[in-house]
Protein backbone atom coordinates (compact mmCIF):
# COMPACT_ATOMS: atom_id res chain seq x y z
CA UNK A 1 -20.28 2.98 10.12
CA UNK A 2 -23.70 1.88 9.56
CA UNK A 3 -23.32 1.43 6.49
CA UNK A 4 -20.65 -1.43 7.30
CA UNK A 5 -22.87 -3.00 9.41
CA UNK A 6 -25.82 -3.26 6.62
CA UNK A 7 -23.55 -5.42 4.31
CA UNK A 8 -24.76 -8.70 3.82
CA UNK A 9 -21.58 -10.78 4.59
CA UNK A 10 -17.90 -10.84 5.77
CA UNK A 11 -16.96 -10.78 2.26
CA UNK A 12 -18.66 -7.04 1.55
CA UNK A 13 -17.25 -5.83 4.87
CA UNK A 14 -13.64 -7.15 4.03
CA UNK A 15 -14.28 -5.18 0.29
CA UNK A 16 -15.57 -2.01 1.83
CA UNK A 17 -12.51 -2.07 4.60
CA UNK A 18 -10.41 -2.54 1.15
CA UNK A 19 -11.81 0.19 -0.62
CA UNK A 20 -11.55 2.71 2.65
CA UNK A 21 -8.21 1.94 3.25
CA UNK A 22 -6.84 2.78 -0.52
CA UNK A 23 -8.80 6.10 -0.38
CA UNK A 24 -7.13 7.03 3.18
CA UNK A 25 -3.63 6.23 1.64
CA UNK A 26 -4.35 8.57 -1.83
CA UNK A 27 -5.65 10.94 0.50
CA UNK A 28 -2.35 10.81 2.80
CA UNK A 29 0.09 10.98 -0.21
CA UNK A 30 -1.96 14.08 -1.59
CA UNK A 31 -1.92 15.88 1.57
CA UNK A 32 1.91 14.96 1.81
CA UNK A 33 2.62 16.36 -2.03
CA UNK A 34 0.75 19.46 -0.85
CA UNK A 35 2.32 19.95 2.37
CA UNK A 36 5.64 19.53 0.56
CA UNK A 37 5.00 22.33 -1.96
CA UNK A 38 3.78 24.55 0.92
CA UNK A 39 6.63 23.95 3.20
CA UNK A 40 9.05 24.51 -0.17
CA UNK A 41 7.29 27.75 -1.17
CA UNK A 42 7.29 29.14 2.39
CA UNK A 43 10.83 28.34 2.47
CA UNK A 44 11.36 30.63 -0.68
């Protein structure tokens, strides 16, 4: 959050939010794939 507040303008702040949002989406997808495989493996 401190880094966000240090950005020079609103455009840079919005860009950072987009990047963080995309990264969180990627992590969510990876977690879903991992848990899907893990649950599938536990069922066998």
